[in-house]
Amino acid sequence: MKSALQAYGAKSRKLASIYNLLGEAAFEVGEMDVALKAFQSGLKIEREIGKCVEAIVTTLCNIGETLRLQKKFDEALGSYQEAHEAIEQTRGSCDMLVTAKRKIALIYQKQQRYSD
């Protein structure tokens, strides 16, 4: 992280990628707060530098999944819906659209179950 920051600066694709890799690693070992913070940092950079929509959508879905596992359903839903909108606006990958819609449905299902 320090090397990428020094070599490429605070608003670089490489730094955004490192944040996302850190998020994935933290997610895999169950460190959801660390994962969420890393994904959010990566997303902020991706948006600032105008990274491709697919990368942003992937990060939004990673954030949504992290929030869903923390049972923060409303926040997770917002992340998935933002991903869904971005895919539809750019006519992105059908696979990504299906994933986003599936996750939105899962959140609705969980919310219903917990509200009952």
PDB file of N, CA and C in Angstrom:
ATOM      1  N   MET A   1       0.835  -1.182   0.000  1.00  0.00           N
ATOM      2  CA  MET A   1       0.000   0.000   0.000  1.00  0.00           C
ATOM      3  C   MET A   1       0.879   1.244   0.000  1.00  0.00           C
ATOM      4  N   LYS A   2       1.859   1.279   0.906  1.00  0.00           N
ATOM      5  CA  LYS A   2       2.732   2.449   0.978  1.00  0.00           C
ATOM      6  C   LYS A   2       3.492   2.648  -0.324  1.00  0.00           C
ATOM      7  N   SER A   3       3.969   1.554  -0.899  1.00  0.00           N
ATOM      8  CA  SER A   3       4.719   1.646  -2.149  1.00  0.00           C
ATOM      9  C   SER A   3       3.848   2.178  -3.278  1.00  0.00           C
ATOM     10  N   ALA A   4       2.630   1.672  -3.380  1.00  0.00           N
ATOM     11  CA  ALA A   4       1.714   2.123  -4.431  1.00  0.00           C
ATOM     12  C   ALA A   4       1.350   3.588  -4.228  1.00  0.00           C
ATOM     13  N   LEU A   5       1.158   3.975  -2.998  1.00  0.00           N
ATOM     14  CA  LEU A   5       0.823   5.366  -2.695  1.00  0.00           C
ATOM     15  C   LEU A   5       1.964   6.294  -3.104  1.00  0.00           C
ATOM     16  N   GLN A   6       3.193   5.903  -2.778  1.00  0.00           N
ATOM     17  CA  GLN A   6       4.348   6.722  -3.142  1.00  0.00           C
ATOM     18  C   GLN A   6       4.579   6.725  -4.654  1.00  0.00           C
ATOM     19  N   ALA A   7       4.446   5.576  -5.272  1.00  0.00           N
ATOM     20  CA  ALA A   7       4.744   5.464  -6.701  1.00  0.00           C
ATOM     21  C   ALA A   7       3.667   6.076  -7.586  1.00  0.00           C
ATOM     22  N   TYR A   8       2.399   5.903  -7.226  1.00  0.00           N
ATOM     23  CA  TYR A   8       1.316   6.290  -8.123  1.00  0.00           C
ATOM     24  C   TYR A   8       0.434   7.420  -7.602  1.00  0.00           C
ATOM     25  N   GLY A   9       0.502   7.716  -6.324  1.00  0.00           N
ATOM     26  CA  GLY A   9      -0.318   8.774  -5.758  1.00  0.00           C
ATOM     27  C   GLY A   9      -1.616   8.241  -5.159  1.00  0.00           C
ATOM     28  N   ALA A  10      -2.315   9.148  -4.488  1.00  0.00           N
ATOM     29  CA  ALA A  10      -3.523   8.768  -3.744  1.00  0.00           C
ATOM     30  C   ALA A  10      -4.728   8.486  -4.635  1.00  0.00           C
ATOM     31  N   LYS A  11      -4.670   8.879  -5.887  1.00  0.00           N
ATOM     32  CA  LYS A  11      -5.797   8.669  -6.796  1.00  0.00           C
ATOM     33  C   LYS A  11      -5.329   7.863  -8.002  1.00  0.00           C
ATOM     34  N   SER A  12      -4.986   6.614  -7.750  1.00  0.00           N
ATOM     35  CA  SER A  12      -4.498   5.772  -8.841  1.00  0.00           C
ATOM     36  C   SER A  12      -5.288   4.473  -8.905  1.00  0.00           C
ATOM     37  N   ARG A  13      -5.338   3.916 -10.093  1.00  0.00           N
ATOM     38  CA  ARG A  13      -6.009   2.627 -10.298  1.00  0.00           C
ATOM     39  C   ARG A  13      -5.353   1.537  -9.465  1.00  0.00           C
ATOM     40  N   LYS A  14      -4.047   1.593  -9.360  1.00  0.00           N
ATOM     41  CA  LYS A  14      -3.326   0.566  -8.598  1.00  0.00           C
ATOM     42  C   LYS A  14      -3.699   0.622  -7.124  1.00  0.00           C
ATOM     43  N   LEU A  15      -3.797   1.824  -6.576  1.00  0.00           N
ATOM     44  CA  LEU A  15      -4.166   1.947  -5.168  1.00  0.00           C
ATOM     45  C   LEU A  15      -5.606   1.466  -4.943  1.00  0.00           C
ATOM     46  N   ALA A  16      -6.503   1.801  -5.845  1.00  0.00           N
ATOM     47  CA  ALA A  16      -7.887   1.315  -5.743  1.00  0.00           C
ATOM     48  C   ALA A  16      -7.909  -0.211  -5.776  1.00  0.00           C
ATOM     49  N   SER A  17      -7.114  -0.801  -6.648  1.00  0.00           N
ATOM     50  CA  SER A  17      -7.050  -2.262  -6.744  1.00  0.00           C
ATOM     51  C   SER A  17      -6.506  -2.881  -5.461  1.00  0.00           C
ATOM     52  N   ILE A  18      -5.504  -2.235  -4.873  1.00  0.00           N
ATOM     53  CA  ILE A  18      -4.945  -2.755  -3.618  1.00  0.00           C
ATOM     54  C   ILE A  18      -5.983  -2.698  -2.509  1.00  0.00           C
ATOM     55  N   TYR A  19      -6.718  -1.608  -2.425  1.00  0.00           N
ATOM     56  CA  TYR A  19      -7.785  -1.527  -1.420  1.00  0.00           C
ATOM     57  C   TYR A  19      -8.790  -2.660  -1.614  1.00  0.00           C
ATOM     58  N   ASN A  20      -9.164  -2.922  -2.851  1.00  0.00           N
ATOM     59  CA  ASN A  20     -10.138  -3.978  -3.109  1.00  0.00           C
ATOM     60  C   ASN A  20      -9.573  -5.359  -2.780  1.00  0.00           C
ATOM     61  N   LEU A  21      -8.304  -5.577  -3.052  1.00  0.00           N
ATOM     62  CA  LEU A  21      -7.667  -6.847  -2.682  1.00  0.00           C
ATOM     63  C   LEU A  21      -7.618  -7.006  -1.162  1.00  0.00           C
ATOM     64  N   LEU A  22      -7.304  -5.924  -0.470  1.00  0.00           N
ATOM     65  CA  LEU A  22      -7.321  -5.969   0.994  1.00  0.00           C
ATOM     66  C   LEU A  22      -8.726  -6.269   1.505  1.00  0.00           C
ATOM     67  N   GLY A  23      -9.722  -5.657   0.873  1.00  0.00           N
ATOM     68  CA  GLY A  23     -11.108  -5.923   1.249  1.00  0.00           C
ATOM     69  C   GLY A  23     -11.468  -7.387   1.056  1.00  0.00           C
ATOM     70  N   GLU A  24     -11.061  -7.946  -0.074  1.00  0.00           N
ATOM     71  CA  GLU A  24     -11.350  -9.358  -0.340  1.00  0.00           C
ATOM     72  C   GLU A  24     -10.672 -10.265   0.681  1.00  0.00           C
ATOM     73  N   ALA A  25      -9.419  -9.958   1.011  1.00  0.00           N
ATOM     74  CA  ALA A  25      -8.694 -10.776   1.990  1.00  0.00           C
ATOM     75  C   ALA A  25      -9.354 -10.690   3.365  1.00  0.00           C
ATOM     76  N   ALA A  26      -9.706  -9.481   3.775  1.00  0.00           N
ATOM     77  CA  ALA A  26     -10.367  -9.308   5.068  1.00  0.00           C
ATOM     78  C   ALA A  26     -11.720 -10.013   5.086  1.00  0.00           C
ATOM     79  N   PHE A  27     -12.450  -9.932   3.979  1.00  0.00           N
ATOM     80  CA  PHE A  27     -13.747 -10.597   3.861  1.00  0.00           C
ATOM     81  C   PHE A  27     -13.589 -12.109   4.047  1.00  0.00           C
ATOM     82  N   GLU A  28     -12.579 -12.663   3.414  1.00  0.00           N
ATOM     83  CA  GLU A  28     -12.361 -14.115   3.465  1.00  0.00           C
ATOM     84  C   GLU A  28     -12.064 -14.619   4.871  1.00  0.00           C
ATOM     85  N   VAL A  29     -11.437 -13.785   5.698  1.00  0.00           N
ATOM     86  CA  VAL A  29     -11.122 -14.218   7.060  1.00  0.00           C
ATOM     87  C   VAL A  29     -12.142 -13.712   8.075  1.00  0.00           C
ATOM     88  N   GLY A  30     -13.233 -13.120   7.575  1.00  0.00           N
ATOM     89  CA  GLY A  30     -14.328 -12.714   8.447  1.00  0.00           C
ATOM     90  C   GLY A  30     -14.172 -11.369   9.124  1.00  0.00           C
ATOM     91  N   GLU A  31     -13.218 -10.570   8.686  1.00  0.00           N
ATOM     92  CA  GLU A  31     -13.016  -9.229   9.247  1.00  0.00           C
ATOM     93  C   GLU A  31     -13.873  -8.232   8.461  1.00  0.00           C
ATOM     94  N   MET A  32     -15.173  -8.257   8.712  1.00  0.00           N
ATOM     95  CA  MET A  32     -16.114  -7.500   7.896  1.00  0.00           C
ATOM     96  C   MET A  32     -15.942  -5.988   8.014  1.00  0.00           C
ATOM     97  N   ASP A  33     -15.609  -5.488   9.194  1.00  0.00           N
ATOM     98  CA  ASP A  33     -15.409  -4.039   9.330  1.00  0.00           C
ATOM     99  C   ASP A  33     -14.200  -3.580   8.523  1.00  0.00           C
ATOM    100  N   VAL A  34     -13.131  -4.356   8.561  1.00  0.00           N
ATOM    101  CA  VAL A  34     -11.927  -4.038   7.795  1.00  0.00           C
ATOM    102  C   VAL A  34     -12.228  -4.134   6.300  1.00  0.00           C
ATOM    103  N   ALA A  35     -12.947  -5.188   5.914  1.00  0.00           N
ATOM    104  CA  ALA A  35     -13.302  -5.371   4.502  1.00  0.00           C
ATOM    105  C   ALA A  35     -14.131  -4.202   4.000  1.00  0.00           C
ATOM    106  N   LEU A  36     -15.129  -3.814   4.771  1.00  0.00           N
ATOM    107  CA  LEU A  36     -16.007  -2.722   4.368  1.00  0.00           C
ATOM    108  C   LEU A  36     -15.225  -1.423   4.186  1.00  0.00           C
ATOM    109  N   LYS A  37     -14.364  -1.127   5.130  1.00  0.00           N
ATOM    110  CA  LYS A  37     -13.567   0.102   5.043  1.00  0.00           C
ATOM    111  C   LYS A  37     -12.666   0.073   3.806  1.00  0.00           C
ATOM    112  N   ALA A  38     -12.047  -1.064   3.528  1.00  0.00           N
ATOM    113  CA  ALA A  38     -11.170  -1.182   2.360  1.00  0.00           C
ATOM    114  C   ALA A  38     -11.962  -1.032   1.061  1.00  0.00           C
ATOM    115  N   PHE A  39     -13.102  -1.722   0.956  1.00  0.00           N
ATOM    116  CA  PHE A  39     -13.937  -1.606  -0.242  1.00  0.00           C
ATOM    117  C   PHE A  39     -14.398  -0.163  -0.452  1.00  0.00           C
ATOM    118  N   GLN A  40     -14.815   0.488   0.621  1.00  0.00           N
ATOM    119  CA  GLN A  40     -15.278   1.871   0.503  1.00  0.00           C
ATOM    120  C   GLN A  40     -14.154   2.805   0.063  1.00  0.00           C
ATOM    121  N   SER A  41     -12.954   2.562   0.555  1.00  0.00           N
ATOM    122  CA  SER A  41     -11.791   3.368   0.137  1.00  0.00           C
ATOM    123  C   SER A  41     -11.496   3.148  -1.340  1.00  0.00           C
ATOM    124  N   GLY A  42     -11.555   1.887  -1.763  1.00  0.00           N
ATOM    125  CA  GLY A  42     -11.343   1.581  -3.178  1.00  0.00           C
ATOM    126  C   GLY A  42     -12.395   2.219  -4.064  1.00  0.00           C
ATOM    127  N   LEU A  43     -13.650   2.160  -3.626  1.00  0.00           N
ATOM    128  CA  LEU A  43     -14.751   2.745  -4.395  1.00  0.00           C
ATOM    129  C   LEU A  43     -14.585   4.261  -4.532  1.00  0.00           C
ATOM    130  N   LYS A  44     -14.189   4.900  -3.468  1.00  0.00           N
ATOM    131  CA  LYS A  44     -13.993   6.349  -3.514  1.00  0.00           C
ATOM    132  C   LYS A  44     -12.959   6.718  -4.581  1.00  0.00           C
ATOM    133  N   ILE A  45     -11.864   5.992  -4.612  1.00  0.00           N
ATOM    134  CA  ILE A  45     -10.829   6.257  -5.615  1.00  0.00           C
ATOM    135  C   ILE A  45     -11.349   5.943  -7.011  1.00  0.00           C
ATOM    136  N   GLU A  46     -12.033   4.810  -7.159  1.00  0.00           N
ATOM    137  CA  GLU A  46     -12.572   4.431  -8.473  1.00  0.00           C
ATOM    138  C   GLU A  46     -13.476   5.525  -9.030  1.00  0.00           C
ATOM    139  N   ARG A  47     -14.291   6.092  -8.182  1.00  0.00           N
ATOM    140  CA  ARG A  47     -15.196   7.159  -8.627  1.00  0.00           C
ATOM    141  C   ARG A  47     -14.428   8.429  -8.985  1.00  0.00           C
ATOM    142  N   GLU A  48     -13.441   8.760  -8.183  1.00  0.00           N
ATOM    143  CA  GLU A  48     -12.665   9.978  -8.424  1.00  0.00           C
ATOM    144  C   GLU A  48     -11.879   9.913  -9.730  1.00  0.00           C
ATOM    145  N   ILE A  49     -11.369   8.743 -10.057  1.00  0.00           N
ATOM    146  CA  ILE A  49     -10.546   8.639 -11.271  1.00  0.00           C
ATOM    147  C   ILE A  49     -11.360   8.204 -12.480  1.00  0.00           C
ATOM    148  N   GLY A  50     -12.632   7.924 -12.267  1.00  0.00           N
ATOM    149  CA  GLY A  50     -13.474   7.526 -13.389  1.00  0.00           C
ATOM    150  C   GLY A  50     -13.158   6.133 -13.900  1.00  0.00           C
ATOM    151  N   LYS A  51     -12.912   5.216 -12.977  1.00  0.00           N
ATOM    152  CA  LYS A  51     -12.625   3.841 -13.372  1.00  0.00           C
ATOM    153  C   LYS A  51     -13.848   3.238 -14.054  1.00  0.00           C
ATOM    154  N   CYS A  52     -13.640   2.220 -14.826  1.00  0.00           N
ATOM    155  CA  CYS A  52     -14.718   1.623 -15.614  1.00  0.00           C
ATOM    156  C   CYS A  52     -15.886   1.191 -14.726  1.00  0.00           C
ATOM    157  N   VAL A  53     -17.058   1.230 -15.297  1.00  0.00           N
ATOM    158  CA  VAL A  53     -18.285   0.920 -14.562  1.00  0.00           C
ATOM    159  C   VAL A  53     -18.248  -0.492 -13.991  1.00  0.00           C
ATOM    160  N   GLU A  54     -17.677  -1.439 -14.736  1.00  0.00           N
ATOM    161  CA  GLU A  54     -17.634  -2.815 -14.247  1.00  0.00           C
ATOM    162  C   GLU A  54     -16.873  -2.909 -12.929  1.00  0.00           C
ATOM    163  N   ALA A  55     -15.769  -2.184 -12.809  1.00  0.00           N
ATOM    164  CA  ALA A  55     -14.993  -2.206 -11.566  1.00  0.00           C
ATOM    165  C   ALA A  55     -15.798  -1.590 -10.425  1.00  0.00           C
ATOM    166  N   ILE A  56     -16.466  -0.496 -10.708  1.00  0.00           N
ATOM    167  CA  ILE A  56     -17.285   0.162  -9.688  1.00  0.00           C
ATOM    168  C   ILE A  56     -18.435  -0.738  -9.258  1.00  0.00           C
ATOM    169  N   VAL A  57     -19.082  -1.376 -10.213  1.00  0.00           N
ATOM    170  CA  VAL A  57     -20.190  -2.281  -9.897  1.00  0.00           C
ATOM    171  C   VAL A  57     -19.696  -3.449  -9.043  1.00  0.00           C
ATOM    172  N   THR A  58     -18.554  -3.999  -9.384  1.00  0.00           N
ATOM    173  CA  THR A  58     -17.993  -5.103  -8.592  1.00  0.00           C
ATOM    174  C   THR A  58     -17.748  -4.660  -7.157  1.00  0.00           C
ATOM    175  N   THR A  59     -17.176  -3.464  -6.999  1.00  0.00           N
ATOM    176  CA  THR A  59     -16.910  -2.961  -5.656  1.00  0.00           C
ATOM    177  C   THR A  59     -18.210  -2.703  -4.904  1.00  0.00           C
ATOM    178  N   LEU A  60     -19.211  -2.145  -5.581  1.00  0.00           N
ATOM    179  CA  LEU A  60     -20.516  -1.929  -4.944  1.00  0.00           C
ATOM    180  C   LEU A  60     -21.122  -3.257  -4.484  1.00  0.00           C
ATOM    181  N   CYS A  61     -20.999  -4.280  -5.301  1.00  0.00           N
ATOM    182  CA  CYS A  61     -21.524  -5.605  -4.918  1.00  0.00           C
ATOM    183  C   CYS A  61     -20.741  -6.183  -3.740  1.00  0.00           C
ATOM    184  N   ASN A  62     -19.421  -5.963  -3.720  1.00  0.00           N
ATOM    185  CA  ASN A  62     -18.626  -6.423  -2.581  1.00  0.00           C
ATOM    186  C   ASN A  62     -19.043  -5.705  -1.296  1.00  0.00           C
ATOM    187  N   ILE A  63     -19.298  -4.410  -1.405  1.00  0.00           N
ATOM    188  CA  ILE A  63     -19.777  -3.654  -0.253  1.00  0.00           C
ATOM    189  C   ILE A  63     -21.139  -4.183   0.182  1.00  0.00           C
ATOM    190  N   GLY A  64     -22.024  -4.407  -0.780  1.00  0.00           N
ATOM    191  CA  GLY A  64     -23.351  -4.942  -0.468  1.00  0.00           C
ATOM    192  C   GLY A  64     -23.287  -6.278   0.240  1.00  0.00           C
ATOM    193  N   GLU A  65     -22.421  -7.145  -0.236  1.00  0.00           N
ATOM    194  CA  GLU A  65     -22.295  -8.471   0.378  1.00  0.00           C
ATOM    195  C   GLU A  65     -21.754  -8.369   1.803  1.00  0.00           C
ATOM    196  N   THR A  66     -20.796  -7.492   2.006  1.00  0.00           N
ATOM    197  CA  THR A  66     -20.239  -7.296   3.343  1.00  0.00           C
ATOM    198  C   THR A  66     -21.313  -6.768   4.296  1.00  0.00           C
ATOM    199  N   LEU A  67     -22.064  -5.777   3.844  1.00  0.00           N
ATOM    200  CA  LEU A  67     -23.141  -5.229   4.663  1.00  0.00           C
ATOM    201  C   LEU A  67     -24.239  -6.261   4.923  1.00  0.00           C
ATOM    202  N   ARG A  68     -24.539  -7.064   3.917  1.00  0.00           N
ATOM    203  CA  ARG A  68     -25.574  -8.092   4.085  1.00  0.00           C
ATOM    204  C   ARG A  68     -25.176  -9.080   5.173  1.00  0.00           C
ATOM    205  N   LEU A  69     -23.919  -9.485   5.173  1.00  0.00           N
ATOM    206  CA  LEU A  69     -23.460 -10.431   6.188  1.00  0.00           C
ATOM    207  C   LEU A  69     -23.419  -9.804   7.579  1.00  0.00           C
ATOM    208  N   GLN A  70     -23.335  -8.485   7.629  1.00  0.00           N
ATOM    209  CA  GLN A  70     -23.408  -7.775   8.908  1.00  0.00           C
ATOM    210  C   GLN A  70     -24.852  -7.492   9.310  1.00  0.00           C
ATOM    211  N   LYS A  71     -25.783  -7.975   8.497  1.00  0.00           N
ATOM    212  CA  LYS A  71     -27.220  -7.778   8.713  1.00  0.00           C
ATOM    213  C   LYS A  71     -27.623  -6.305   8.648  1.00  0.00           C
ATOM    214  N   LYS A  72     -26.896  -5.531   7.882  1.00  0.00           N
ATOM    215  CA  LYS A  72     -27.226  -4.126   7.619  1.00  0.00           C
ATOM    216  C   LYS A  72     -27.953  -4.098   6.271  1.00  0.00           C
ATOM    217  N   PHE A  73     -29.161  -4.614   6.289  1.00  0.00           N
ATOM    218  CA  PHE A  73     -29.878  -4.890   5.057  1.00  0.00           C
ATOM    219  C   PHE A  73     -30.225  -3.644   4.246  1.00  0.00           C
ATOM    220  N   ASP A  74     -30.630  -2.584   4.902  1.00  0.00           N
ATOM    221  CA  ASP A  74     -30.980  -1.373   4.161  1.00  0.00           C
ATOM    222  C   ASP A  74     -29.770  -0.804   3.428  1.00  0.00           C
ATOM    223  N   GLU A  75     -28.624  -0.774   4.103  1.00  0.00           N
ATOM    224  CA  GLU A  75     -27.408  -0.269   3.471  1.00  0.00           C
ATOM    225  C   GLU A  75     -26.963  -1.195   2.333  1.00  0.00           C
ATOM    226  N   ALA A  76     -27.068  -2.495   2.566  1.00  0.00           N
ATOM    227  CA  ALA A  76     -26.692  -3.464   1.531  1.00  0.00           C
ATOM    228  C   ALA A  76     -27.585  -3.293   0.311  1.00  0.00           C
ATOM    229  N   LEU A  77     -28.858  -3.136   0.558  1.00  0.00           N
ATOM    230  CA  LEU A  77     -29.808  -2.950  -0.529  1.00  0.00           C
ATOM    231  C   LEU A  77     -29.456  -1.708  -1.344  1.00  0.00           C
ATOM    232  N   GLY A  78     -29.097  -0.635  -0.675  1.00  0.00           N
ATOM    233  CA  GLY A  78     -28.707   0.590  -1.372  1.00  0.00           C
ATOM    234  C   GLY A  78     -27.502   0.371  -2.265  1.00  0.00           C
ATOM    235  N   SER A  79     -26.546  -0.379  -1.790  1.00  0.00           N
ATOM    236  CA  SER A  79     -25.341  -0.661  -2.584  1.00  0.00           C
ATOM    237  C   SER A  79     -25.680  -1.506  -3.809  1.00  0.00           C
ATOM    238  N   TYR A  80     -26.494  -2.538  -3.607  1.00  0.00           N
ATOM    239  CA  TYR A  80     -26.890  -3.388  -4.736  1.00  0.00           C
ATOM    240  C   TYR A  80     -27.747  -2.619  -5.740  1.00  0.00           C
ATOM    241  N   GLN A  81     -28.629  -1.765  -5.251  1.00  0.00           N
ATOM    242  CA  GLN A  81     -29.472  -0.994  -6.161  1.00  0.00           C
ATOM    243  C   GLN A  81     -28.644  -0.004  -6.974  1.00  0.00           C
ATOM    244  N   GLU A  82     -27.642   0.584  -6.349  1.00  0.00           N
ATOM    245  CA  GLU A  82     -26.755   1.485  -7.078  1.00  0.00           C
ATOM    246  C   GLU A  82     -25.998   0.715  -8.166  1.00  0.00           C
ATOM    247  N   ALA A  83     -25.557  -0.485  -7.842  1.00  0.00           N
ATOM    248  CA  ALA A  83     -24.876  -1.329  -8.834  1.00  0.00           C
ATOM    249  C   ALA A  83     -25.829  -1.655  -9.977  1.00  0.00           C
ATOM    250  N   HIS A  84     -27.051  -2.009  -9.641  1.00  0.00           N
ATOM    251  CA  HIS A  84     -28.072  -2.353 -10.634  1.00  0.00           C
ATOM    252  C   HIS A  84     -28.318  -1.184 -11.586  1.00  0.00           C
ATOM    253  N   GLU A  85     -28.472   0.008 -11.029  1.00  0.00           N
ATOM    254  CA  GLU A  85     -28.720   1.197 -11.850  1.00  0.00           C
ATOM    255  C   GLU A  85     -27.551   1.488 -12.780  1.00  0.00           C
ATOM    256  N   ALA A  86     -26.333   1.345 -12.265  1.00  0.00           N
ATOM    257  CA  ALA A  86     -25.149   1.611 -13.086  1.00  0.00           C
ATOM    258  C   ALA A  86     -25.062   0.628 -14.253  1.00  0.00           C
ATOM    259  N   ILE A  87     -25.397  -0.607 -14.004  1.00  0.00           N
ATOM    260  CA  ILE A  87     -25.360  -1.620 -15.066  1.00  0.00           C
ATOM    261  C   ILE A  87     -26.394  -1.291 -16.132  1.00  0.00           C
ATOM    262  N   GLU A  88     -27.605  -0.961 -15.693  1.00  0.00           N
ATOM    263  CA  GLU A  88     -28.659  -0.674 -16.657  1.00  0.00           C
ATOM    264  C   GLU A  88     -28.371   0.592 -17.464  1.00  0.00           C
ATOM    265  N   GLN A  89     -27.815   1.619 -16.829  1.00  0.00           N
ATOM    266  CA  GLN A  89     -27.519   2.870 -17.530  1.00  0.00           C
ATOM    267  C   GLN A  89     -26.441   2.683 -18.590  1.00  0.00           C
ATOM    268  N   THR A  90     -25.503   1.820 -18.317  1.00  0.00           N
ATOM    269  CA  THR A  90     -24.386   1.639 -19.255  1.00  0.00           C
ATOM    270  C   THR A  90     -24.562   0.408 -20.134  1.00  0.00           C
ATOM    271  N   ARG A  91     -25.675  -0.274 -19.942  1.00  0.00           N
ATOM    272  CA  ARG A  91     -25.920  -1.526 -20.662  1.00  0.00           C
ATOM    273  C   ARG A  91     -24.765  -2.505 -20.443  1.00  0.00           C
ATOM    274  N   GLY A  92     -24.425  -2.641 -19.168  1.00  0.00           N
ATOM    275  CA  GLY A  92     -23.315  -3.501 -18.771  1.00  0.00           C
ATOM    276  C   GLY A  92     -23.645  -4.974 -18.888  1.00  0.00           C
ATOM    277  N   SER A  93     -22.750  -5.764 -18.385  1.00  0.00           N
ATOM    278  CA  SER A  93     -22.812  -7.220 -18.450  1.00  0.00           C
ATOM    279  C   SER A  93     -24.118  -7.776 -17.892  1.00  0.00           C
ATOM    280  N   CYS A  94     -24.707  -8.705 -18.627  1.00  0.00           N
ATOM    281  CA  CYS A  94     -25.932  -9.370 -18.160  1.00  0.00           C
ATOM    282  C   CYS A  94     -25.653 -10.178 -16.895  1.00  0.00           C
ATOM    283  N   ASP A  95     -24.468 -10.787 -16.827  1.00  0.00           N
ATOM    284  CA  ASP A  95     -24.122 -11.556 -15.629  1.00  0.00           C
ATOM    285  C   ASP A  95     -24.100 -10.658 -14.395  1.00  0.00           C
ATOM    286  N   MET A  96     -23.539  -9.467 -14.549  1.00  0.00           N
ATOM    287  CA  MET A  96     -23.481  -8.530 -13.427  1.00  0.00           C
ATOM    288  C   MET A  96     -24.882  -8.069 -13.047  1.00  0.00           C
ATOM    289  N   LEU A  97     -25.732  -7.863 -14.025  1.00  0.00           N
ATOM    290  CA  LEU A  97     -27.102  -7.442 -13.764  1.00  0.00           C
ATOM    291  C   LEU A  97     -27.864  -8.523 -13.006  1.00  0.00           C
ATOM    292  N   VAL A  98     -27.693  -9.759 -13.430  1.00  0.00           N
ATOM    293  CA  VAL A  98     -28.352 -10.884 -12.761  1.00  0.00           C
ATOM    294  C   VAL A  98     -27.871 -10.980 -11.315  1.00  0.00           C
ATOM    295  N   THR A  99     -26.579 -10.828 -11.093  1.00  0.00           N
ATOM    296  CA  THR A  99     -26.038 -10.887  -9.745  1.00  0.00           C
ATOM    297  C   THR A  99     -26.646  -9.801  -8.876  1.00  0.00           C
ATOM    298  N   ALA A 100     -26.675  -8.579  -9.378  1.00  0.00           N
ATOM    299  CA  ALA A 100     -27.234  -7.474  -8.603  1.00  0.00           C
ATOM    300  C   ALA A 100     -28.707  -7.711  -8.285  1.00  0.00           C
ATOM    301  N   LYS A 101     -29.482  -8.151  -9.273  1.00  0.00           N
ATOM    302  CA  LYS A 101     -30.910  -8.405  -9.045  1.00  0.00           C
ATOM    303  C   LYS A 101     -31.119  -9.549  -8.054  1.00  0.00           C
ATOM    304  N   ARG A 102     -30.289 -10.567  -8.154  1.00  0.00           N
ATOM    305  CA  ARG A 102     -30.393 -11.702  -7.226  1.00  0.00           C
ATOM    306  C   ARG A 102     -30.110 -11.259  -5.795  1.00  0.00           C
ATOM    307  N   LYS A 103     -29.112 -10.411  -5.624  1.00  0.00           N
ATOM    308  CA  LYS A 103     -28.758  -9.926  -4.291  1.00  0.00           C
ATOM    309  C   LYS A 103     -29.855  -9.017  -3.736  1.00  0.00           C
ATOM    310  N   ILE A 104     -30.453  -8.197  -4.584  1.00  0.00           N
ATOM    311  CA  ILE A 104     -31.564  -7.348  -4.148  1.00  0.00           C
ATOM    312  C   ILE A 104     -32.720  -8.223  -3.662  1.00  0.00           C
ATOM    313  N   ALA A 105     -33.038  -9.268  -4.410  1.00  0.00           N
ATOM    314  CA  ALA A 105     -34.114 -10.177  -4.013  1.00  0.00           C
ATOM    315  C   ALA A 105     -33.786 -10.870  -2.691  1.00  0.00           C
ATOM    316  N   LEU A 106     -32.532 -11.244  -2.508  1.00  0.00           N
ATOM    317  CA  LEU A 106     -32.112 -11.892  -1.272  1.00  0.00           C
ATOM    318  C   LEU A 106     -32.285 -10.956  -0.082  1.00  0.00           C
ATOM    319  N   ILE A 107     -31.937  -9.690  -0.268  1.00  0.00           N
ATOM    320  CA  ILE A 107     -32.104  -8.708   0.806  1.00  0.00           C
ATOM    321  C   ILE A 107     -33.579  -8.549   1.149  1.00  0.00           C
ATOM    322  N   TYR A 108     -34.419  -8.421   0.128  1.00  0.00           N
ATOM    323  CA  TYR A 108     -35.860  -8.307   0.384  1.00  0.00           C
ATOM    324  C   TYR A 108     -36.361  -9.527   1.160  1.00  0.00           C
ATOM    325  N   GLN A 109     -35.893 -10.687   0.787  1.00  0.00           N
ATOM    326  CA  GLN A 109     -36.295 -11.910   1.472  1.00  0.00           C
ATOM    327  C   GLN A 109     -35.845 -11.878   2.933  1.00  0.00           C
ATOM    328  N   LYS A 110     -34.622 -11.492   3.183  1.00  0.00           N
ATOM    329  CA  LYS A 110     -34.102 -11.422   4.559  1.00  0.00           C
ATOM    330  C   LYS A 110     -34.854 -10.384   5.371  1.00  0.00           C
ATOM    331  N   GLN A 111     -35.123  -9.221   4.769  1.00  0.00           N
ATOM    332  CA  GLN A 111     -35.856  -8.183   5.495  1.00  0.00           C
ATOM    333  C   GLN A 111     -37.240  -8.682   5.900  1.00  0.00           C
ATOM    334  N   GLN A 112     -37.894  -9.369   5.014  1.00  0.00           N
ATOM    335  CA  GLN A 112     -39.234  -9.894   5.313  1.00  0.00           C
ATOM    336  C   GLN A 112     -39.159 -10.904   6.453  1.00  0.00           C
ATOM    337  N   ARG A 113     -38.183 -11.776   6.388  1.00  0.00           N
ATOM    338  CA  ARG A 113     -38.037 -12.809   7.406  1.00  0.00           C
ATOM    339  C   ARG A 113     -37.778 -12.178   8.770  1.00  0.00           C
ATOM    340  N   TYR A 114     -36.916 -11.160   8.849  1.00  0.00           N
ATOM    341  CA  TYR A 114     -36.602 -10.535  10.121  1.00  0.00           C
ATOM    342  C   TYR A 114     -37.731  -9.658  10.612  1.00  0.00           C
ATOM    343  N   SER A 115     -38.493  -9.065   9.718  1.00  0.00           N
ATOM    344  CA  SER A 115     -39.608  -8.224  10.169  1.00  0.00           C
ATOM    345  C   SER A 115     -40.759  -9.071  10.665  1.00  0.00           C
ATOM    346  N   ASP A 116     -40.894 -10.301  10.171  1.00  0.00           N
ATOM    347  CA  ASP A 116     -41.940 -11.207  10.661  1.00  0.00           C
ATOM    348  C   ASP A 116     -41.570 -11.684  12.050  1.00  0.00           C
TER     349      ASP A 116
END
